[in-house]
Amino acid sequence: MPLRLIELKAESTNGTVYADEGQTAQDSAHRVLTQLWMLDQIDPTKIRSCTDAVVFSSVVSQRETVTHVHLYNPEDENIYMSYIDDFSFRKDFQGCRSHNKNLSEWLVKVQQPIIRDLLGKLHPVMKS
């Protein structure tokens, strides 16, 4: 279950970060809805919170990286894309590296065990 989405854009081939942010919004919304579907299959009676299905995305070009978080708001039943930060490689390459390292560590330590447990409940592995 991908909780992290990275889109690479080559400005030399007319790719733009702005256009790719729109594509990332669609891809991440699909991933959020997939997580919600999985959660509903396991426990359809549970009231959802905005932290149940979260996806992080980064759009990367040769000059900068823009990061967002995508989440579901159960109050109005919409999926939101919220800006986190942007990093210029000329000025703040270390900040970009630190952000991605921290995010990856959080996903592996916190989110991956949660998703692994949910998948185990949805499709238990039979022992012979």
C-alpha atoms as a PDB file:
ATOM      1  CA  MET A   1       0.000   0.000   0.000  1.00  0.00           C
ATOM      2  CA  PRO A   2       1.961   3.035  -1.157  1.00  0.00           C
ATOM      3  CA  LEU A   3       1.725   5.828   1.373  1.00  0.00           C
ATOM      4  CA  ARG A   4       4.439   7.842  -0.331  1.00  0.00           C
ATOM      5  CA  LEU A   5       4.213   9.150  -3.874  1.00  0.00           C
ATOM      6  CA  ILE A   6       7.136  10.753  -5.709  1.00  0.00           C
ATOM      7  CA  GLU A   7       6.645  12.311  -9.145  1.00  0.00           C
ATOM      8  CA  LEU A   8       9.688  13.332 -11.188  1.00  0.00           C
ATOM      9  CA  LYS A   9       9.428  16.123 -13.749  1.00  0.00           C
ATOM     10  CA  ALA A  10      11.943  17.046 -16.408  1.00  0.00           C
ATOM     11  CA  GLU A  11      11.592  20.725 -17.237  1.00  0.00           C
ATOM     12  CA  SER A  12      13.794  20.179 -20.284  1.00  0.00           C
ATOM     13  CA  THR A  13      10.940  18.155 -21.841  1.00  0.00           C
ATOM     14  CA  ASN A  14       8.291  20.799 -21.014  1.00  0.00           C
ATOM     15  CA  GLY A  15       7.302  19.217 -17.702  1.00  0.00           C
ATOM     16  CA  THR A  16       6.144  21.632 -15.023  1.00  0.00           C
ATOM     17  CA  VAL A  17       5.857  21.221 -11.287  1.00  0.00           C
ATOM     18  CA  TYR A  18       2.438  22.915 -11.359  1.00  0.00           C
ATOM     19  CA  ALA A  19       1.002  20.398 -13.841  1.00  0.00           C
ATOM     20  CA  ASP A  20       2.491  17.488 -11.961  1.00  0.00           C
ATOM     21  CA  GLU A  21       0.934  18.667  -8.693  1.00  0.00           C
ATOM     22  CA  GLY A  22      -2.462  18.139 -10.327  1.00  0.00           C
ATOM     23  CA  GLN A  23      -1.515  14.637 -11.419  1.00  0.00           C
ATOM     24  CA  THR A  24      -0.189  13.890  -7.939  1.00  0.00           C
ATOM     25  CA  ALA A  25      -3.474  15.102  -6.428  1.00  0.00           C
ATOM     26  CA  GLN A  26      -5.426  12.563  -8.494  1.00  0.00           C
ATOM     27  CA  ASP A  27      -3.025   9.703  -7.783  1.00  0.00           C
ATOM     28  CA  SER A  28      -2.963  10.430  -4.059  1.00  0.00           C
ATOM     29  CA  ALA A  29      -6.752  10.768  -3.845  1.00  0.00           C
ATOM     30  CA  HIS A  30      -7.005   7.300  -5.363  1.00  0.00           C
ATOM     31  CA  ARG A  31      -4.579   5.950  -2.753  1.00  0.00           C
ATOM     32  CA  VAL A  32      -6.540   7.604   0.087  1.00  0.00           C
ATOM     33  CA  LEU A  33      -9.791   6.080  -1.217  1.00  0.00           C
ATOM     34  CA  THR A  34      -8.103   2.674  -1.489  1.00  0.00           C
ATOM     35  CA  GLN A  35      -7.009   2.870   2.139  1.00  0.00           C
ATOM     36  CA  LEU A  36     -10.518   3.879   3.204  1.00  0.00           C
ATOM     37  CA  TRP A  37     -12.003   0.971   1.239  1.00  0.00           C
ATOM     38  CA  MET A  38      -9.630  -1.442   2.955  1.00  0.00           C
ATOM     39  CA  LEU A  39     -10.528  -0.026   6.368  1.00  0.00           C
ATOM     40  CA  ASP A  40     -14.242  -0.290   5.589  1.00  0.00           C
ATOM     41  CA  GLN A  41     -13.813  -3.926   4.574  1.00  0.00           C
ATOM     42  CA  ILE A  42     -12.244  -4.692   7.956  1.00  0.00           C
ATOM     43  CA  ASP A  43     -14.585  -2.641  10.171  1.00  0.00           C
ATOM     44  CA  PRO A  44     -17.492  -0.944   8.340  1.00  0.00           C
ATOM     45  CA  THR A  45     -19.032   0.362  11.581  1.00  0.00           C
ATOM     46  CA  LYS A  46     -16.004   2.382  12.712  1.00  0.00           C
ATOM     47  CA  ILE A  47     -16.294   6.147  12.453  1.00  0.00           C
ATOM     48  CA  ARG A  48     -13.381   7.405  10.378  1.00  0.00           C
ATOM     49  CA  SER A  49     -10.957  10.124  11.432  1.00  0.00           C
ATOM     50  CA  CYS A  50      -8.801  12.305   9.206  1.00  0.00           C
ATOM     51  CA  THR A  51      -5.677  10.347  10.178  1.00  0.00           C
ATOM     52  CA  ASP A  52      -7.025   6.946   9.059  1.00  0.00           C
ATOM     53  CA  ALA A  53      -5.934   7.379   5.449  1.00  0.00           C
ATOM     54  CA  VAL A  54      -2.949   9.637   4.803  1.00  0.00           C
ATOM     55  CA  VAL A  55      -0.691   9.843   1.740  1.00  0.00           C
ATOM     56  CA  PHE A  56       2.392  12.022   1.321  1.00  0.00           C
ATOM     57  CA  SER A  57       3.565  13.235  -2.069  1.00  0.00           C
ATOM     58  CA  SER A  58       6.555  15.048  -3.516  1.00  0.00           C
ATOM     59  CA  VAL A  59       6.919  16.603  -6.946  1.00  0.00           C
ATOM     60  CA  VAL A  60      10.572  16.803  -7.939  1.00  0.00           C
ATOM     61  CA  SER A  61      12.193  18.785 -10.743  1.00  0.00           C
ATOM     62  CA  GLN A  62      15.836  19.641 -11.390  1.00  0.00           C
ATOM     63  CA  ARG A  63      15.507  22.816  -9.317  1.00  0.00           C
ATOM     64  CA  GLU A  64      13.005  22.135  -6.527  1.00  0.00           C
ATOM     65  CA  THR A  65      10.827  19.728  -4.593  1.00  0.00           C
ATOM     66  CA  VAL A  66       7.265  20.509  -3.452  1.00  0.00           C
ATOM     67  CA  THR A  67       5.671  18.298  -0.784  1.00  0.00           C
ATOM     68  CA  HIS A  68       2.018  17.734   0.168  1.00  0.00           C
ATOM     69  CA  VAL A  69      -0.089  15.599   2.464  1.00  0.00           C
ATOM     70  CA  HIS A  70      -3.388  14.127   1.229  1.00  0.00           C
ATOM     71  CA  LEU A  71      -6.099  13.155   3.679  1.00  0.00           C
ATOM     72  CA  TYR A  72      -9.793  12.397   4.006  1.00  0.00           C
ATOM     73  CA  ASN A  73     -12.061  14.678   6.041  1.00  0.00           C
ATOM     74  CA  PRO A  74     -15.007  12.625   7.336  1.00  0.00           C
ATOM     75  CA  GLU A  75     -17.011  15.726   8.287  1.00  0.00           C
ATOM     76  CA  ASP A  76     -17.584  16.840   4.696  1.00  0.00           C
ATOM     77  CA  GLU A  77     -16.434  13.586   3.016  1.00  0.00           C
ATOM     78  CA  ASN A  78     -13.805  15.315   0.876  1.00  0.00           C
ATOM     79  CA  ILE A  79     -10.177  14.517   0.213  1.00  0.00           C
ATOM     80  CA  TYR A  80      -7.803  17.406   0.785  1.00  0.00           C
ATOM     81  CA  MET A  81      -4.340  18.137  -0.543  1.00  0.00           C
ATOM     82  CA  SER A  82      -2.422  20.303   1.892  1.00  0.00           C
ATOM     83  CA  TYR A  83       0.885  21.994   1.145  1.00  0.00           C
ATOM     84  CA  ILE A  84       3.733  21.067   3.505  1.00  0.00           C
ATOM     85  CA  ASP A  85       6.854  22.760   2.133  1.00  0.00           C
ATOM     86  CA  ASP A  86       9.023  23.352  -0.911  1.00  0.00           C
ATOM     87  CA  PHE A  87      12.776  23.089  -1.177  1.00  0.00           C
ATOM     88  CA  SER A  88      15.077  24.772  -3.665  1.00  0.00           C
ATOM     89  CA  PHE A  89      18.061  22.573  -4.364  1.00  0.00           C
ATOM     90  CA  ARG A  90      20.326  25.611  -4.682  1.00  0.00           C
ATOM     91  CA  LYS A  91      19.469  26.945  -1.227  1.00  0.00           C
ATOM     92  CA  ASP A  92      18.125  24.082   0.890  1.00  0.00           C
ATOM     93  CA  PHE A  93      19.186  20.657  -0.334  1.00  0.00           C
ATOM     94  CA  GLN A  94      19.890  19.501   3.242  1.00  0.00           C
ATOM     95  CA  GLY A  95      16.381  20.549   4.328  1.00  0.00           C
ATOM     96  CA  CYS A  96      14.869  18.465   1.524  1.00  0.00           C
ATOM     97  CA  ARG A  97      16.997  15.467   2.486  1.00  0.00           C
ATOM     98  CA  SER A  98      16.086  15.788   6.166  1.00  0.00           C
ATOM     99  CA  HIS A  99      12.366  16.126   5.383  1.00  0.00           C
ATOM    100  CA  ASN A 100      12.344  13.022   3.190  1.00  0.00           C
ATOM    101  CA  LYS A 101      14.434  11.016   5.664  1.00  0.00           C
ATOM    102  CA  ASN A 102      12.123  11.911   8.573  1.00  0.00           C
ATOM    103  CA  LEU A 103       9.020  11.155   6.545  1.00  0.00           C
ATOM    104  CA  SER A 104      10.361   7.812   5.331  1.00  0.00           C
ATOM    105  CA  GLU A 105      11.356   6.781   8.847  1.00  0.00           C
ATOM    106  CA  TRP A 106       7.890   7.688  10.172  1.00  0.00           C
ATOM    107  CA  LEU A 107       6.192   5.733   7.401  1.00  0.00           C
ATOM    108  CA  VAL A 108       8.322   2.638   8.050  1.00  0.00           C
ATOM    109  CA  LYS A 109       8.142   2.763  11.855  1.00  0.00           C
ATOM    110  CA  VAL A 110       4.532   3.916  12.353  1.00  0.00           C
ATOM    111  CA  GLN A 111       2.394   3.468   9.250  1.00  0.00           C
ATOM    112  CA  GLN A 112       3.848   0.272   7.773  1.00  0.00           C
ATOM    113  CA  PRO A 113       3.038  -1.877  10.849  1.00  0.00           C
ATOM    114  CA  ILE A 114      -0.505  -0.480  10.930  1.00  0.00           C
ATOM    115  CA  ILE A 115      -1.085  -1.292   7.245  1.00  0.00           C
ATOM    116  CA  ARG A 116       0.564  -4.711   7.616  1.00  0.00           C
ATOM    117  CA  ASP A 117      -1.774  -5.508  10.539  1.00  0.00           C
ATOM    118  CA  LEU A 118      -4.832  -4.339   8.581  1.00  0.00           C
ATOM    119  CA  LEU A 119      -3.880  -6.423   5.547  1.00  0.00           C
ATOM    120  CA  GLY A 120      -3.416  -9.416   7.841  1.00  0.00           C
ATOM    121  CA  LYS A 121      -6.953  -8.940   9.148  1.00  0.00           C
ATOM    122  CA  LEU A 122      -8.363  -8.497   5.656  1.00  0.00           C
ATOM    123  CA  HIS A 123      -6.544 -11.498   4.153  1.00  0.00           C
ATOM    124  CA  PRO A 124      -5.207 -13.715   6.951  1.00  0.00           C
ATOM    125  CA  VAL A 125      -2.358 -16.027   6.048  1.00  0.00           C
ATOM    126  CA  MET A 126      -3.297 -19.631   6.725  1.00  0.00           C
ATOM    127  CA  LYS A 127      -0.686 -21.741   8.449  1.00  0.00           C
ATOM    128  CA  SER A 128      -0.421 -25.360   7.377  1.00  0.00           C
END
